[in-house]
């Protein structure tokens, strides 16, 4: 499977699985719809595929431009930030082997292009920071250095300094579950929320609220088979309350990247049983 198709399909699968608190089939937000996510998935694939030839920063900016032109809103910034380095790895090597070299070779030009992409996407909850603020002058540092400045408060940025350890781990968790893919995605998503507070929720609602989500996810994960479906539905409803401010969007981005790894490394059995 080529990179563009893998990126698009990973985003389609991530958006389609009924992950609590997120947009999925039959569960739109007021300001963004399932169709917006599918449209974005279609247009970002060919742009992500530019990463090996044109560089990570270029692929990220072109992806965000394509999404912005197609749907006029931010659907996939975090996902794109994760997919581009993964896409740039040597296809002859496992991602875990090839990725560190890609990250080591990121430059200040990649930083400039990524800052431009973030400004275009206008993600919610960024706030203002003292060093390397995205709305100030672009720092003359590599992209990994820039991400390192945000790694303690942003799970996407942390992947750049930790060689995408969480993405690779949850790719394993999705593959390991042995369920229909939609169930495996939702299960891995709940496990991720139960392990690590979602950084988008922390930015939008405060750290205390992200801890409340973390604890709720742990209750869902520990539910009996009889309790699970009902508790999952309640969790979904609660996350959507208050104008979906508790949307665990960063965790969804990591799941999309994990699906891309599975496709990129041909670790799924075809035909895939989604439901």
Foldseek 3Di string as FASTA:
>chain_A
DAQLVLQLVLQLLLQAQCAFLHAHVPRQFPQGHSVLSNQLSNQLSVLLLCCQPPNLLRSLLNSLVRSCVRRVAADFNLLSLLSNLQNNFDLVDQSLVGNVVNLVPFALVSQVSSLVSCVSNVDPLQDADDPCGSPDDHDRGGLLVSLVVCLVQAVSSVCSVVVNVVLQVLLCQLLPPPDQNSVSLNLSLLVVLLVDQQSQLCSQPNPVVSVVSNVLSVCLNPDDPVCNVVSSVVSSVVCPPPSNSNRSVNSSSSSSSSSSSCVSNVVDDPPGRND
